[in-house]
Amino acid sequence: METAKRVIRVQQRQDRFNEHISTGAKSSIDRKVSGKDTAGSWSMFEAHWSLKGGPPLHVHQVEDEWF
């Protein structure tokens, strides 16, 4: 994979492509680094949860999820 040519800053509560993902109940996910930026090797999101505890229990079939 080719190394990055430039730095792109994405401020807190902003989405890389201005496409905030709404999860309902005043919760959202903002993309910080897209697979488009990394040739599909990884991505990064910032999650904002209005309810204590975060998202409901779920399983990713293909992706890894780290906190």
PDB file of N, CA and C in Angstrom:
ATOM      1  N   MET A   1       0.839  -1.174   0.000  1.00  0.00           N
ATOM      2  CA  MET A   1       0.000   0.000   0.000  1.00  0.00           C
ATOM      3  C   MET A   1       0.891   1.246   0.000  1.00  0.00           C
ATOM      4  N   GLU A   2       0.473   2.234  -0.716  1.00  0.00           N
ATOM      5  CA  GLU A   2       1.196   3.496  -0.813  1.00  0.00           C
ATOM      6  C   GLU A   2       0.994   4.318   0.461  1.00  0.00           C
ATOM      7  N   THR A   3       2.030   5.021   0.905  1.00  0.00           N
ATOM      8  CA  THR A   3       1.904   5.854   2.096  1.00  0.00           C
ATOM      9  C   THR A   3       1.126   7.118   1.783  1.00  0.00           C
ATOM     10  N   ALA A   4       0.549   7.694   2.820  1.00  0.00           N
ATOM     11  CA  ALA A   4      -0.284   8.890   2.661  1.00  0.00           C
ATOM     12  C   ALA A   4       0.524  10.058   2.107  1.00  0.00           C
ATOM     13  N   LYS A   5      -0.096  10.827   1.263  1.00  0.00           N
ATOM     14  CA  LYS A   5       0.550  11.983   0.651  1.00  0.00           C
ATOM     15  C   LYS A   5       0.216  13.279   1.387  1.00  0.00           C
ATOM     16  N   ARG A   6      -0.881  13.285   2.146  1.00  0.00           N
ATOM     17  CA  ARG A   6      -1.295  14.500   2.846  1.00  0.00           C
ATOM     18  C   ARG A   6      -2.103  14.136   4.077  1.00  0.00           C
ATOM     19  N   VAL A   7      -2.205  15.080   4.966  1.00  0.00           N
ATOM     20  CA  VAL A   7      -2.976  14.900   6.188  1.00  0.00           C
ATOM     21  C   VAL A   7      -4.327  15.579   6.009  1.00  0.00           C
ATOM     22  N   ILE A   8      -5.372  14.892   6.392  1.00  0.00           N
ATOM     23  CA  ILE A   8      -6.713  15.468   6.351  1.00  0.00           C
ATOM     24  C   ILE A   8      -7.228  15.507   7.779  1.00  0.00           C
ATOM     25  N   ARG A   9      -7.545  16.680   8.266  1.00  0.00           N
ATOM     26  CA  ARG A   9      -8.060  16.819   9.625  1.00  0.00           C
ATOM     27  C   ARG A   9      -9.582  16.768   9.612  1.00  0.00           C
ATOM     28  N   VAL A  10     -10.113  15.952  10.501  1.00  0.00           N
ATOM     29  CA  VAL A  10     -11.560  15.872  10.671  1.00  0.00           C
ATOM     30  C   VAL A  10     -11.837  16.212  12.131  1.00  0.00           C
ATOM     31  N   GLN A  11     -12.455  17.334  12.373  1.00  0.00           N
ATOM     32  CA  GLN A  11     -12.702  17.822  13.725  1.00  0.00           C
ATOM     33  C   GLN A  11     -13.704  16.931  14.469  1.00  0.00           C
ATOM     34  N   GLN A  12     -13.702  17.053  15.786  1.00  0.00           N
ATOM     35  CA  GLN A  12     -14.653  16.323  16.626  1.00  0.00           C
ATOM     36  C   GLN A  12     -16.074  16.654  16.187  1.00  0.00           C
ATOM     37  N   ARG A  13     -16.918  15.622  16.156  1.00  0.00           N
ATOM     38  CA  ARG A  13     -18.321  15.718  15.742  1.00  0.00           C
ATOM     39  C   ARG A  13     -18.504  16.147  14.291  1.00  0.00           C
ATOM     40  N   GLN A  14     -17.465  15.912  13.473  1.00  0.00           N
ATOM     41  CA  GLN A  14     -17.547  16.145  12.037  1.00  0.00           C
ATOM     42  C   GLN A  14     -17.266  14.838  11.320  1.00  0.00           C
ATOM     43  N   ASP A  15     -17.834  14.667  10.137  1.00  0.00           N
ATOM     44  CA  ASP A  15     -17.656  13.458   9.345  1.00  0.00           C
ATOM     45  C   ASP A  15     -16.709  13.745   8.183  1.00  0.00           C
ATOM     46  N   ARG A  16     -15.893  12.789   7.824  1.00  0.00           N
ATOM     47  CA  ARG A  16     -14.904  12.945   6.745  1.00  0.00           C
ATOM     48  C   ARG A  16     -15.539  13.457   5.460  1.00  0.00           C
ATOM     49  N   PHE A  17     -16.722  12.950   5.123  1.00  0.00           N
ATOM     50  CA  PHE A  17     -17.407  13.327   3.886  1.00  0.00           C
ATOM     51  C   PHE A  17     -18.712  14.072   4.153  1.00  0.00           C
ATOM     52  N   ASN A  18     -18.868  14.626   5.359  1.00  0.00           N
ATOM     53  CA  ASN A  18     -20.090  15.337   5.762  1.00  0.00           C
ATOM     54  C   ASN A  18     -21.331  14.471   5.593  1.00  0.00           C
ATOM     55  N   GLU A  19     -21.212  13.192   5.928  1.00  0.00           N
ATOM     56  CA  GLU A  19     -22.323  12.235   5.831  1.00  0.00           C
ATOM     57  C   GLU A  19     -22.545  11.588   7.198  1.00  0.00           C
ATOM     58  N   HIS A  20     -22.992  12.357   8.164  1.00  0.00           N
ATOM     59  CA  HIS A  20     -23.229  11.815   9.504  1.00  0.00           C
ATOM     60  C   HIS A  20     -24.196  10.641   9.407  1.00  0.00           C
ATOM     61  N   ILE A  21     -23.871   9.555  10.084  1.00  0.00           N
ATOM     62  CA  ILE A  21     -24.725   8.370  10.096  1.00  0.00           C
ATOM     63  C   ILE A  21     -25.580   8.434  11.355  1.00  0.00           C
ATOM     64  N   SER A  22     -26.887   8.595  11.182  1.00  0.00           N
ATOM     65  CA  SER A  22     -27.782   8.673  12.326  1.00  0.00           C
ATOM     66  C   SER A  22     -28.158   7.270  12.781  1.00  0.00           C
ATOM     67  N   THR A  23     -28.074   7.039  14.083  1.00  0.00           N
ATOM     68  CA  THR A  23     -28.469   5.748  14.636  1.00  0.00           C
ATOM     69  C   THR A  23     -29.737   5.890  15.468  1.00  0.00           C
ATOM     70  N   GLY A  24     -30.401   7.044  15.354  1.00  0.00           N
ATOM     71  CA  GLY A  24     -31.637   7.302  16.078  1.00  0.00           C
ATOM     72  C   GLY A  24     -31.387   7.792  17.486  1.00  0.00           C
ATOM     73  N   ALA A  25     -32.425   8.309  18.110  1.00  0.00           N
ATOM     74  CA  ALA A  25     -32.387   8.772  19.506  1.00  0.00           C
ATOM     75  C   ALA A  25     -31.191   9.688  19.790  1.00  0.00           C
ATOM     76  N   LYS A  26     -30.932  10.627  18.894  1.00  0.00           N
ATOM     77  CA  LYS A  26     -29.855  11.611  19.054  1.00  0.00           C
ATOM     78  C   LYS A  26     -28.458  10.993  19.086  1.00  0.00           C
ATOM     79  N   SER A  27     -28.304   9.813  18.551  1.00  0.00           N
ATOM     80  CA  SER A  27     -27.001   9.155  18.472  1.00  0.00           C
ATOM     81  C   SER A  27     -26.519   9.196  17.034  1.00  0.00           C
ATOM     82  N   SER A  28     -25.203   9.252  16.845  1.00  0.00           N
ATOM     83  CA  SER A  28     -24.674   9.296  15.488  1.00  0.00           C
ATOM     84  C   SER A  28     -23.267   8.702  15.436  1.00  0.00           C
ATOM     85  N   ILE A  29     -22.834   8.414  14.220  1.00  0.00           N
ATOM     86  CA  ILE A  29     -21.497   7.906  13.975  1.00  0.00           C
ATOM     87  C   ILE A  29     -20.880   8.789  12.895  1.00  0.00           C
ATOM     88  N   ASP A  30     -19.660   9.249  13.139  1.00  0.00           N
ATOM     89  CA  ASP A  30     -18.948  10.078  12.170  1.00  0.00           C
ATOM     90  C   ASP A  30     -17.715   9.339  11.669  1.00  0.00           C
ATOM     91  N   ARG A  31     -17.592   9.250  10.360  1.00  0.00           N
ATOM     92  CA  ARG A  31     -16.444   8.594   9.736  1.00  0.00           C
ATOM     93  C   ARG A  31     -15.252   9.545   9.822  1.00  0.00           C
ATOM     94  N   LYS A  32     -14.134   9.062  10.341  1.00  0.00           N
ATOM     95  CA  LYS A  32     -12.912   9.853  10.437  1.00  0.00           C
ATOM     96  C   LYS A  32     -11.921   9.459   9.343  1.00  0.00           C
ATOM     97  N   VAL A  33     -11.732   8.165   9.155  1.00  0.00           N
ATOM     98  CA  VAL A  33     -10.885   7.633   8.083  1.00  0.00           C
ATOM     99  C   VAL A  33     -11.723   6.607   7.343  1.00  0.00           C
ATOM    100  N   SER A  34     -11.787   6.727   6.057  1.00  0.00           N
ATOM    101  CA  SER A  34     -12.603   5.840   5.233  1.00  0.00           C
ATOM    102  C   SER A  34     -11.737   4.768   4.573  1.00  0.00           C
ATOM    103  N   GLY A  35     -12.354   3.677   4.212  1.00  0.00           N
ATOM    104  CA  GLY A  35     -11.666   2.668   3.423  1.00  0.00           C
ATOM    105  C   GLY A  35     -11.189   3.247   2.098  1.00  0.00           C
ATOM    106  N   LYS A  36     -11.872   4.306   1.631  1.00  0.00           N
ATOM    107  CA  LYS A  36     -11.442   4.996   0.410  1.00  0.00           C
ATOM    108  C   LYS A  36     -10.067   5.631   0.607  1.00  0.00           C
ATOM    109  N   ASP A  37      -9.755   6.022   1.842  1.00  0.00           N
ATOM    110  CA  ASP A  37      -8.470   6.653   2.150  1.00  0.00           C
ATOM    111  C   ASP A  37      -7.344   5.640   2.310  1.00  0.00           C
ATOM    112  N   THR A  38      -7.680   4.384   2.593  1.00  0.00           N
ATOM    113  CA  THR A  38      -6.667   3.376   2.939  1.00  0.00           C
ATOM    114  C   THR A  38      -6.678   2.165   2.002  1.00  0.00           C
ATOM    115  N   ALA A  39      -7.203   2.349   0.817  1.00  0.00           N
ATOM    116  CA  ALA A  39      -7.308   1.244  -0.155  1.00  0.00           C
ATOM    117  C   ALA A  39      -8.076   0.060   0.436  1.00  0.00           C
ATOM    118  N   GLY A  40      -9.053   0.362   1.293  1.00  0.00           N
ATOM    119  CA  GLY A  40      -9.906  -0.671   1.858  1.00  0.00           C
ATOM    120  C   GLY A  40      -9.312  -1.461   3.008  1.00  0.00           C
ATOM    121  N   SER A  41      -8.131  -1.070   3.497  1.00  0.00           N
ATOM    122  CA  SER A  41      -7.494  -1.872   4.538  1.00  0.00           C
ATOM    123  C   SER A  41      -8.037  -1.599   5.936  1.00  0.00           C
ATOM    124  N   TRP A  42      -8.525  -0.383   6.217  1.00  0.00           N
ATOM    125  CA  TRP A  42      -9.112  -0.091   7.531  1.00  0.00           C
ATOM    126  C   TRP A  42      -9.905   1.207   7.469  1.00  0.00           C
ATOM    127  N   SER A  43     -10.702   1.440   8.484  1.00  0.00           N
ATOM    128  CA  SER A  43     -11.463   2.684   8.615  1.00  0.00           C
ATOM    129  C   SER A  43     -11.612   3.002  10.095  1.00  0.00           C
ATOM    130  N   MET A  44     -11.993   4.229  10.390  1.00  0.00           N
ATOM    131  CA  MET A  44     -12.152   4.650  11.786  1.00  0.00           C
ATOM    132  C   MET A  44     -13.395   5.529  11.902  1.00  0.00           C
ATOM    133  N   PHE A  45     -14.144   5.289  12.997  1.00  0.00           N
ATOM    134  CA  PHE A  45     -15.364   6.034  13.242  1.00  0.00           C
ATOM    135  C   PHE A  45     -15.340   6.626  14.644  1.00  0.00           C
ATOM    136  N   GLU A  46     -16.082   7.713  14.829  1.00  0.00           N
ATOM    137  CA  GLU A  46     -16.306   8.296  16.150  1.00  0.00           C
ATOM    138  C   GLU A  46     -17.798   8.178  16.434  1.00  0.00           C
ATOM    139  N   ALA A  47     -18.150   7.506  17.511  1.00  0.00           N
ATOM    140  CA  ALA A  47     -19.555   7.285  17.854  1.00  0.00           C
ATOM    141  C   ALA A  47     -19.988   8.208  18.981  1.00  0.00           C
ATOM    142  N   HIS A  48     -21.199   8.732  18.865  1.00  0.00           N
ATOM    143  CA  HIS A  48     -21.794   9.598  19.878  1.00  0.00           C
ATOM    144  C   HIS A  48     -23.116   8.955  20.300  1.00  0.00           C
ATOM    145  N   TRP A  49     -23.181   8.494  21.543  1.00  0.00           N
ATOM    146  CA  TRP A  49     -24.380   7.802  22.018  1.00  0.00           C
ATOM    147  C   TRP A  49     -25.109   8.679  23.019  1.00  0.00           C
ATOM    148  N   SER A  50     -26.398   8.872  22.821  1.00  0.00           N
ATOM    149  CA  SER A  50     -27.196   9.678  23.745  1.00  0.00           C
ATOM    150  C   SER A  50     -27.594   8.871  24.977  1.00  0.00           C
ATOM    151  N   LEU A  51     -27.627   7.565  24.842  1.00  0.00           N
ATOM    152  CA  LEU A  51     -27.997   6.709  25.964  1.00  0.00           C
ATOM    153  C   LEU A  51     -26.752   6.118  26.605  1.00  0.00           C
ATOM    154  N   LYS A  52     -26.777   5.940  27.882  1.00  0.00           N
ATOM    155  CA  LYS A  52     -25.644   5.359  28.591  1.00  0.00           C
ATOM    156  C   LYS A  52     -25.422   3.918  28.126  1.00  0.00           C
ATOM    157  N   GLY A  53     -24.170   3.568  27.870  1.00  0.00           N
ATOM    158  CA  GLY A  53     -23.854   2.183  27.524  1.00  0.00           C
ATOM    159  C   GLY A  53     -23.539   1.931  26.072  1.00  0.00           C
ATOM    160  N   GLY A  54     -23.872   2.839  25.171  1.00  0.00           N
ATOM    161  CA  GLY A  54     -23.527   2.669  23.760  1.00  0.00           C
ATOM    162  C   GLY A  54     -24.510   1.820  22.983  1.00  0.00           C
ATOM    163  N   PRO A  55     -24.044   1.196  21.901  1.00  0.00           N
ATOM    164  CA  PRO A  55     -24.942   0.458  21.009  1.00  0.00           C
ATOM    165  C   PRO A  55     -25.414  -0.849  21.633  1.00  0.00           C
ATOM    166  N   PRO A  56     -26.519  -1.383  21.113  1.00  0.00           N
ATOM    167  CA  PRO A  56     -26.978  -2.680  21.601  1.00  0.00           C
ATOM    168  C   PRO A  56     -25.985  -3.783  21.209  1.00  0.00           C
ATOM    169  N   LEU A  57     -26.054  -4.896  21.874  1.00  0.00           N
ATOM    170  CA  LEU A  57     -25.205  -6.034  21.577  1.00  0.00           C
ATOM    171  C   LEU A  57     -25.364  -6.414  20.104  1.00  0.00           C
ATOM    172  N   HIS A  58     -24.243  -6.581  19.409  1.00  0.00           N
ATOM    173  CA  HIS A  58     -24.279  -6.919  17.992  1.00  0.00           C
ATOM    174  C   HIS A  58     -23.009  -7.674  17.606  1.00  0.00           C
ATOM    175  N   VAL A  59     -23.009  -8.250  16.407  1.00  0.00           N
ATOM    176  CA  VAL A  59     -21.884  -9.039  15.916  1.00  0.00           C
ATOM    177  C   VAL A  59     -21.476  -8.508  14.547  1.00  0.00           C
ATOM    178  N   HIS A  60     -20.164  -8.376  14.322  1.00  0.00           N
ATOM    179  CA  HIS A  60     -19.641  -8.050  12.999  1.00  0.00           C
ATOM    180  C   HIS A  60     -19.186  -9.345  12.354  1.00  0.00           C
ATOM    181  N   GLN A  61     -19.709  -9.630  11.184  1.00  0.00           N
ATOM    182  CA  GLN A  61     -19.366 -10.872  10.504  1.00  0.00           C
ATOM    183  C   GLN A  61     -17.996 -10.814   9.829  1.00  0.00           C
ATOM    184  N   VAL A  62     -17.571  -9.644   9.409  1.00  0.00           N
ATOM    185  CA  VAL A  62     -16.338  -9.518   8.625  1.00  0.00           C
ATOM    186  C   VAL A  62     -15.324  -8.589   9.307  1.00  0.00           C
ATOM    187  N   GLU A  63     -15.784  -7.563  10.007  1.00  0.00           N
ATOM    188  CA  GLU A  63     -14.903  -6.541  10.552  1.00  0.00           C
ATOM    189  C   GLU A  63     -14.453  -6.834  11.975  1.00  0.00           C
ATOM    190  N   ASP A  64     -13.284  -6.308  12.355  1.00  0.00           N
ATOM    191  CA  ASP A  64     -12.834  -6.295  13.734  1.00  0.00           C
ATOM    192  C   ASP A  64     -13.291  -4.986  14.345  1.00  0.00           C
ATOM    193  N   GLU A  65     -13.542  -4.988  15.652  1.00  0.00           N
ATOM    194  CA  GLU A  65     -13.950  -3.760  16.324  1.00  0.00           C
ATOM    195  C   GLU A  65     -13.126  -3.617  17.585  1.00  0.00           C
ATOM    196  N   TRP A  66     -12.417  -2.507  17.704  1.00  0.00           N
ATOM    197  CA  TRP A  66     -11.564  -2.257  18.873  1.00  0.00           C
ATOM    198  C   TRP A  66     -12.009  -0.989  19.553  1.00  0.00           C
ATOM    199  N   PHE A  67     -11.864  -0.977  20.868  1.00  0.00           N
ATOM    200  CA  PHE A  67     -12.200   0.220  21.653  1.00  0.00           C
ATOM    201  C   PHE A  67     -10.971   0.714  22.345  1.00  0.00           C
TER     202      PHE A  67
END
